[in-house]
PDB file of N, CA and C in Angstrom:
ATOM      1  N   UNK A   1     123.299  97.052 105.917  1.00  0.00           N
ATOM      2  CA  UNK A   1     122.987  96.862 104.511  1.00  0.00           C
ATOM      3  C   UNK A   1     121.890  97.816 104.058  1.00  0.00           C
ATOM      4  N   UNK A   2     120.855  97.925 104.909  1.00  0.00           N
ATOM      5  CA  UNK A   2     119.731  98.775 104.538  1.00  0.00           C
ATOM      6  C   UNK A   2     120.130 100.248 104.511  1.00  0.00           C
ATOM      7  N   UNK A   3     121.079 100.641 105.362  1.00  0.00           N
ATOM      8  CA  UNK A   3     121.536 102.032 105.357  1.00  0.00           C
ATOM      9  C   UNK A   3     122.239 102.372 104.050  1.00  0.00           C
ATOM     10  N   UNK A   4     123.064 101.476 103.548  1.00  0.00           N
ATOM     11  CA  UNK A   4     123.738 101.704 102.279  1.00  0.00           C
ATOM     12  C   UNK A   4     122.725 101.795 101.135  1.00  0.00           C
ATOM     13  N   UNK A   5     121.734 100.959 101.205  1.00  0.00           N
ATOM     14  CA  UNK A   5     120.694 100.956 100.184  1.00  0.00           C
ATOM     15  C   UNK A   5     119.914 102.273 100.191  1.00  0.00           C
ATOM     16  N   UNK A   6     119.649 102.798 101.385  1.00  0.00           N
ATOM     17  CA  UNK A   6     118.950 104.077 101.481  1.00  0.00           C
ATOM     18  C   UNK A   6     119.780 105.232 100.941  1.00  0.00           C
ATOM     19  N   UNK A   7     121.077 105.213 101.206  1.00  0.00           N
ATOM     20  CA  UNK A   7     121.963 106.265 100.698  1.00  0.00           C
ATOM     21  C   UNK A   7     122.021 106.213  99.173  1.00  0.00           C
ATOM     22  N   UNK A   8     122.125 105.015  98.618  1.00  0.00           N
ATOM     23  CA  UNK A   8     122.145 104.864  97.162  1.00  0.00           C
ATOM     24  C   UNK A   8     120.821 105.323  96.562  1.00  0.00           C
ATOM     25  N   UNK A   9     119.731 105.011  97.226  1.00  0.00           N
ATOM     26  CA  UNK A   9     118.417 105.416  96.730  1.00  0.00           C
ATOM     27  C   UNK A   9     118.268 106.943  96.736  1.00  0.00           C
ATOM     28  N   UNK A  10     118.788 107.604  97.748  1.00  0.00           N
ATOM     29  CA  UNK A  10     118.747 109.067  97.794  1.00  0.00           C
ATOM     30  C   UNK A  10     119.581 109.661  96.667  1.00  0.00           C
ATOM     31  N   UNK A  11     120.760 109.084  96.418  1.00  0.00           N
ATOM     32  CA  UNK A  11     121.611 109.576  95.346  1.00  0.00           C
ATOM     33  C   UNK A  11     120.934 109.411  93.977  1.00  0.00           C
ATOM     34  N   UNK A  12     120.293 108.263  93.766  1.00  0.00           N
ATOM     35  CA  UNK A  12     119.586 108.029  92.501  1.00  0.00           C
ATOM     36  C   UNK A  12     118.406 108.980  92.374  1.00  0.00           C
ATOM     37  N   UNK A  13     117.726 109.274  93.476  1.00  0.00           N
ATOM     38  CA  UNK A  13     116.603 110.205  93.446  1.00  0.00           C
ATOM     39  C   UNK A  13     117.055 111.610  93.060  1.00  0.00           C
ATOM     40  N   UNK A  14     118.195 112.041  93.572  1.00  0.00           N
ATOM     41  CA  UNK A  14     118.728 113.361  93.223  1.00  0.00           C
ATOM     42  C   UNK A  14     119.113 113.398  91.745  1.00  0.00           C
ATOM     43  N   UNK A  15     119.764 112.345  91.266  1.00  0.00           N
ATOM     44  CA  UNK A  15     120.140 112.282  89.849  1.00  0.00           C
ATOM     45  C   UNK A  15     118.910 112.243  88.940  1.00  0.00           C
ATOM     46  N   UNK A  16     117.893 111.511  89.350  1.00  0.00           N
ATOM     47  CA  UNK A  16     116.657 111.435  88.571  1.00  0.00           C
ATOM     48  C   UNK A  16     115.969 112.789  88.512  1.00  0.00           C
ATOM     49  N   UNK A  17     115.939 113.489  89.626  1.00  0.00           N
ATOM     50  CA  UNK A  17     115.344 114.828  89.645  1.00  0.00           C
ATOM     51  C   UNK A  17     116.104 115.773  88.736  1.00  0.00           C
ATOM     52  N   UNK A  18     117.422 115.725  88.774  1.00  0.00           N
ATOM     53  CA  UNK A  18     118.233 116.582  87.913  1.00  0.00           C
ATOM     54  C   UNK A  18     118.016 116.251  86.441  1.00  0.00           C
ATOM     55  N   UNK A  19     117.922 114.970  86.109  1.00  0.00           N
ATOM     56  CA  UNK A  19     117.710 114.565  84.722  1.00  0.00           C
ATOM     57  C   UNK A  19     116.353 115.040  84.213  1.00  0.00           C
ATOM     58  N   UNK A  20     115.341 114.986  85.051  1.00  0.00           N
ATOM     59  CA  UNK A  20     114.016 115.445  84.646  1.00  0.00           C
ATOM     60  C   UNK A  20     114.010 116.955  84.445  1.00  0.00           C
ATOM     61  N   UNK A  21     114.656 117.691  85.335  1.00  0.00           N
ATOM     62  CA  UNK A  21     114.670 119.144  85.231  1.00  0.00           C
ATOM     63  C   UNK A  21     115.498 119.650  84.057  1.00  0.00           C
ATOM     64  N   UNK A  22     116.477 118.874  83.603  1.00  0.00           N
ATOM     65  CA  UNK A  22     117.317 119.301  82.482  1.00  0.00           C
ATOM     66  C   UNK A  22     116.677 119.059  81.128  1.00  0.00           C
ATOM     67  N   UNK A  23     115.579 118.312  81.090  1.00  0.00           N
ATOM     68  CA  UNK A  23     114.964 118.029  79.805  1.00  0.00           C
ATOM     69  C   UNK A  23     114.341 119.288  79.219  1.00  0.00           C
ATOM     70  N   UNK A  24     114.161 119.276  77.898  1.00  0.00           N
ATOM     71  CA  UNK A  24     113.682 120.453  77.176  1.00  0.00           C
ATOM     72  C   UNK A  24     112.304 120.872  77.658  1.00  0.00           C
ATOM     73  N   UNK A  25     112.123 122.165  77.753  1.00  0.00           N
ATOM     74  CA  UNK A  25     110.831 122.690  78.170  1.00  0.00           C
ATOM     75  C   UNK A  25     110.008 123.006  76.931  1.00  0.00           C
ATOM     76  N   UNK A  26     108.733 123.283  77.114  1.00  0.00           N
ATOM     77  CA  UNK A  26     107.872 123.644  75.997  1.00  0.00           C
ATOM     78  C   UNK A  26     107.115 122.470  75.418  1.00  0.00           C
ATOM     79  N   UNK A  27     107.323 121.289  75.918  1.00  0.00           N
ATOM     80  CA  UNK A  27     106.589 120.136  75.402  1.00  0.00           C
ATOM     81  C   UNK A  27     105.484 119.711  76.354  1.00  0.00           C
ATOM     82  N   UNK A  28     105.230 120.531  77.358  1.00  0.00           N
ATOM     83  CA  UNK A  28     104.198 120.195  78.335  1.00  0.00           C
ATOM     84  C   UNK A  28     102.899 120.913  78.048  1.00  0.00           C
ATOM     85  N   UNK A  29     102.318 121.480  79.086  1.00  0.00           N
ATOM     86  CA  UNK A  29     101.025 122.140  78.972  1.00  0.00           C
ATOM     87  C   UNK A  29     101.117 123.416  78.142  1.00  0.00           C
ATOM     88  N   UNK A  30     102.263 124.063  78.122  1.00  0.00           N
ATOM     89  CA  UNK A  30     102.435 125.286  77.344  1.00  0.00           C
ATOM     90  C   UNK A  30     102.280 125.065  75.852  1.00  0.00           C
ATOM     91  N   UNK A  31     102.590 123.884  75.385  1.00  0.00           N
ATOM     92  CA  UNK A  31     102.454 123.582  73.960  1.00  0.00           C
ATOM     93  C   UNK A  31     100.991 123.539  73.538  1.00  0.00           C
ATOM     94  N   UNK A  32     100.090 123.267  74.461  1.00  0.00           N
ATOM     95  CA  UNK A  32      98.672 123.209  74.135  1.00  0.00           C
ATOM     96  C   UNK A  32      98.101 124.602  73.881  1.00  0.00           C
ATOM     97  N   UNK A  33      98.759 125.632  74.384  1.00  0.00           N
ATOM     98  CA  UNK A  33      98.266 126.995  74.240  1.00  0.00           C
ATOM     99  C   UNK A  33      99.155 127.820  73.319  1.00  0.00           C
ATOM    100  N   UNK A  34      99.656 127.213  72.268  1.00  0.00           N
ATOM    101  CA  UNK A  34     100.413 127.954  71.277  1.00  0.00           C
ATOM    102  C   UNK A  34     101.901 127.982  71.511  1.00  0.00           C
ATOM    103  N   UNK A  35     102.413 127.079  72.268  1.00  0.00           N
ATOM    104  CA  UNK A  35     103.848 127.038  72.536  1.00  0.00           C
ATOM    105  C   UNK A  35     104.610 126.496  71.341  1.00  0.00           C
ATOM    106  N   UNK A  36     105.147 125.341  71.472  1.00  0.00           N
ATOM    107  CA  UNK A  36     105.933 124.711  70.413  1.00  0.00           C
ATOM    108  C   UNK A  36     105.000 124.106  69.379  1.00  0.00           C
ATOM    109  N   UNK A  37     105.203 124.432  68.100  1.00  0.00           N
ATOM    110  CA  UNK A  37     104.316 123.964  67.047  1.00  0.00           C
ATOM    111  C   UNK A  37     104.691 122.607  66.485  1.00  0.00           C
ATOM    112  N   UNK A  38     105.835 122.080  66.825  1.00  0.00           N
ATOM    113  CA  UNK A  38     106.260 120.790  66.285  1.00  0.00           C
ATOM    114  C   UNK A  38     105.551 119.661  67.019  1.00  0.00           C
ATOM    115  N   UNK A  39     104.670 118.978  66.307  1.00  0.00           N
ATOM    116  CA  UNK A  39     103.944 117.889  66.939  1.00  0.00           C
ATOM    117  C   UNK A  39     104.770 116.617  66.887  1.00  0.00           C
ATOM    118  N   UNK A  40     105.293 116.289  65.732  1.00  0.00           N
ATOM    119  CA  UNK A  40     106.097 115.084  65.561  1.00  0.00           C
ATOM    120  C   UNK A  40     107.558 115.500  65.465  1.00  0.00           C
ATOM    121  N   UNK A  41     108.309 115.161  66.495  1.00  0.00           N
ATOM    122  CA  UNK A  41     109.692 115.581  66.556  1.00  0.00           C
ATOM    123  C   UNK A  41     110.501 114.438  67.142  1.00  0.00           C
ATOM    124  N   UNK A  42     111.668 114.186  66.581  1.00  0.00           N
ATOM    125  CA  UNK A  42     112.513 113.114  67.100  1.00  0.00           C
ATOM    126  C   UNK A  42     113.584 113.702  68.014  1.00  0.00           C
ATOM    127  N   UNK A  43     113.986 112.911  68.979  1.00  0.00           N
ATOM    128  CA  UNK A  43     115.047 113.327  69.886  1.00  0.00           C
ATOM    129  C   UNK A  43     116.385 112.933  69.265  1.00  0.00           C
ATOM    130  N   UNK A  44     117.346 113.823  69.374  1.00  0.00           N
ATOM    131  CA  UNK A  44     118.664 113.551  68.817  1.00  0.00           C
ATOM    132  C   UNK A  44     119.742 114.007  69.782  1.00  0.00           C
ATOM    133  N   UNK A  45     120.870 113.366  69.708  1.00  0.00           N
ATOM    134  CA  UNK A  45     122.046 113.790  70.462  1.00  0.00           C
ATOM    135  C   UNK A  45     121.872 113.721  71.964  1.00  0.00           C
ATOM    136  N   UNK A  46     122.201 114.840  72.615  1.00  0.00           N
ATOM    137  CA  UNK A  46     122.184 114.905  74.067  1.00  0.00           C
ATOM    138  C   UNK A  46     120.761 114.741  74.599  1.00  0.00           C
ATOM    139  N   UNK A  47     119.789 115.273  73.873  1.00  0.00           N
ATOM    140  CA  UNK A  47     118.390 115.158  74.318  1.00  0.00           C
ATOM    141  C   UNK A  47     117.957 113.696  74.399  1.00  0.00           C
ATOM    142  N   UNK A  48     118.360 112.900  73.425  1.00  0.00           N
ATOM    143  CA  UNK A  48     118.011 111.474  73.434  1.00  0.00           C
ATOM    144  C   UNK A  48     118.746 110.745  74.554  1.00  0.00           C
ATOM    145  N   UNK A  49     120.013 111.069  74.743  1.00  0.00           N
ATOM    146  CA  UNK A  49     120.794 110.441  75.814  1.00  0.00           C
ATOM    147  C   UNK A  49     120.208 110.767  77.181  1.00  0.00           C
ATOM    148  N   UNK A  50     119.782 112.009  77.369  1.00  0.00           N
ATOM    149  CA  UNK A  50     119.181 112.412  78.625  1.00  0.00           C
ATOM    150  C   UNK A  50     117.842 111.710  78.839  1.00  0.00           C
ATOM    151  N   UNK A  51     117.075 111.526  77.780  1.00  0.00           N
ATOM    152  CA  UNK A  51     115.799 110.816  77.850  1.00  0.00           C
ATOM    153  C   UNK A  51     116.007 109.360  78.265  1.00  0.00           C
ATOM    154  N   UNK A  52     116.986 108.693  77.653  1.00  0.00           N
ATOM    155  CA  UNK A  52     117.282 107.296  77.982  1.00  0.00           C
ATOM    156  C   UNK A  52     117.827 107.192  79.412  1.00  0.00           C
ATOM    157  N   UNK A  53     118.664 108.144  79.809  1.00  0.00           N
ATOM    158  CA  UNK A  53     119.208 108.130  81.171  1.00  0.00           C
ATOM    159  C   UNK A  53     118.100 108.325  82.202  1.00  0.00           C
ATOM    160  N   UNK A  54     117.111 109.153  81.883  1.00  0.00           N
ATOM    161  CA  UNK A  54     115.989 109.364  82.790  1.00  0.00           C
ATOM    162  C   UNK A  54     115.199 108.075  82.990  1.00  0.00           C
ATOM    163  N   UNK A  55     114.963 107.366  81.902  1.00  0.00           N
ATOM    164  CA  UNK A  55     114.242 106.089  81.999  1.00  0.00           C
ATOM    165  C   UNK A  55     115.054 105.077  82.808  1.00  0.00           C
ATOM    166  N   UNK A  56     116.350 105.017  82.549  1.00  0.00           N
ATOM    167  CA  UNK A  56     117.206 104.073  83.273  1.00  0.00           C
ATOM    168  C   UNK A  56     117.246 104.402  84.770  1.00  0.00           C
ATOM    169  N   UNK A  57     117.359 105.677  85.106  1.00  0.00           N
ATOM    170  CA  UNK A  57     117.375 106.067  86.515  1.00  0.00           C
ATOM    171  C   UNK A  57     116.043 105.768  87.192  1.00  0.00           C
ATOM    172  N   UNK A  58     114.946 105.930  86.470  1.00  0.00           N
ATOM    173  CA  UNK A  58     113.633 105.615  87.039  1.00  0.00           C
ATOM    174  C   UNK A  58     113.513 104.119  87.323  1.00  0.00           C
ATOM    175  N   UNK A  59     114.017 103.293  86.423  1.00  0.00           N
ATOM    176  CA  UNK A  59     113.973 101.839  86.624  1.00  0.00           C
ATOM    177  C   UNK A  59     114.854 101.439  87.807  1.00  0.00           C
ATOM    178  N   UNK A  60     116.042 102.034  87.901  1.00  0.00           N
ATOM    179  CA  UNK A  60     116.945 101.738  89.022  1.00  0.00           C
ATOM    180  C   UNK A  60     116.307 102.181  90.346  1.00  0.00           C
ATOM    181  N   UNK A  61     115.680 103.353  90.351  1.00  0.00           N
ATOM    182  CA  UNK A  61     115.026 103.838  91.567  1.00  0.00           C
ATOM    183  C   UNK A  61     113.893 102.901  91.989  1.00  0.00           C
ATOM    184  N   UNK A  62     113.111 102.441  91.031  1.00  0.00           N
ATOM    185  CA  UNK A  62     112.015 101.519  91.326  1.00  0.00           C
ATOM    186  C   UNK A  62     112.551 100.205  91.879  1.00  0.00           C
ATOM    187  N   UNK A  63     113.614  99.691  91.273  1.00  0.00           N
ATOM    188  CA  UNK A  63     114.207  98.438  91.739  1.00  0.00           C
ATOM    189  C   UNK A  63     114.783  98.589  93.150  1.00  0.00           C
ATOM    190  N   UNK A  64     115.429  99.719  93.417  1.00  0.00           N
ATOM    191  CA  UNK A  64     115.967  99.957  94.753  1.00  0.00           C
ATOM    192  C   UNK A  64     114.844 100.077  95.787  1.00  0.00           C
ATOM    193  N   UNK A  65     113.743 100.688  95.395  1.00  0.00           N
ATOM    194  CA  UNK A  65     112.608 100.825  96.306  1.00  0.00           C
ATOM    195  C   UNK A  65     112.021  99.462  96.662  1.00  0.00           C
ATOM    196  N   UNK A  66     111.864  98.617  95.651  1.00  0.00           N
ATOM    197  CA  UNK A  66     111.351  97.273  95.919  1.00  0.00           C
ATOM    198  C   UNK A  66     112.328  96.457  96.758  1.00  0.00           C
ATOM    199  N   UNK A  67     113.605  96.599  96.481  1.00  0.00           N
ATOM    200  CA  UNK A  67     114.618  95.879  97.258  1.00  0.00           C
ATOM    201  C   UNK A  67     114.603  96.318  98.708  1.00  0.00           C
ATOM    202  N   UNK A  68     114.505  97.624  98.935  1.00  0.00           N
ATOM    203  CA  UNK A  68     114.478  98.151 100.303  1.00  0.00           C
ATOM    204  C   UNK A  68     113.222  97.709 101.035  1.00  0.00           C
ATOM    205  N   UNK A  69     112.157  97.485 100.308  1.00  0.00           N
ATOM    206  CA  UNK A  69     110.911  97.041 100.915  1.00  0.00           C
ATOM    207  C   UNK A  69     111.019  95.624 101.471  1.00  0.00           C
ATOM    208  N   UNK A  70     111.745  94.761 100.767  1.00  0.00           N
ATOM    209  CA  UNK A  70     111.802  93.361 101.152  1.00  0.00           C
ATOM    210  C   UNK A  70     113.004  92.991 102.019  1.00  0.00           C
ATOM    211  N   UNK A  71     113.933  93.903 102.239  1.00  0.00           N
ATOM    212  CA  UNK A  71     115.067  93.619 103.108  1.00  0.00           C
ATOM    213  C   UNK A  71     114.659  93.961 104.545  1.00  0.00           C
ATOM    214  N   UNK A  72     114.787  93.018 105.447  1.00  0.00           N
ATOM    215  CA  UNK A  72     114.396  93.302 106.842  1.00  0.00           C
ATOM    216  C   UNK A  72     115.393  94.270 107.499  1.00  0.00           C
ATOM    217  N   UNK A  73     114.886  95.124 108.353  1.00  0.00           N
ATOM    218  CA  UNK A  73     115.752  96.047 109.089  1.00  0.00           C
ATOM    219  C   UNK A  73     116.459  95.274 110.188  1.00  0.00           C
ATOM    220  N   UNK A  74     117.780  95.288 110.128  1.00  0.00           N
ATOM    221  CA  UNK A  74     118.535  94.491 111.102  1.00  0.00           C
ATOM    222  C   UNK A  74     119.128  95.350 112.175  1.00  0.00           C
TER     223      UNK A  74
END
């Protein structure tokens, strides 16, 4: 059981990493030094879907981590 849980957790970790890397750039530290001038901007379309998917994957990863912590190794 724990092996299946670990495999699923690795798959979710890879998907979470990909979702984070696909998000729009320019809203980080570069914006503080003259990058993107839009301070208040709403997410629309694919950007919003990717943002929601990132949050969902993070919650699933956290839940899987807690589950793996409390399942005894058999």
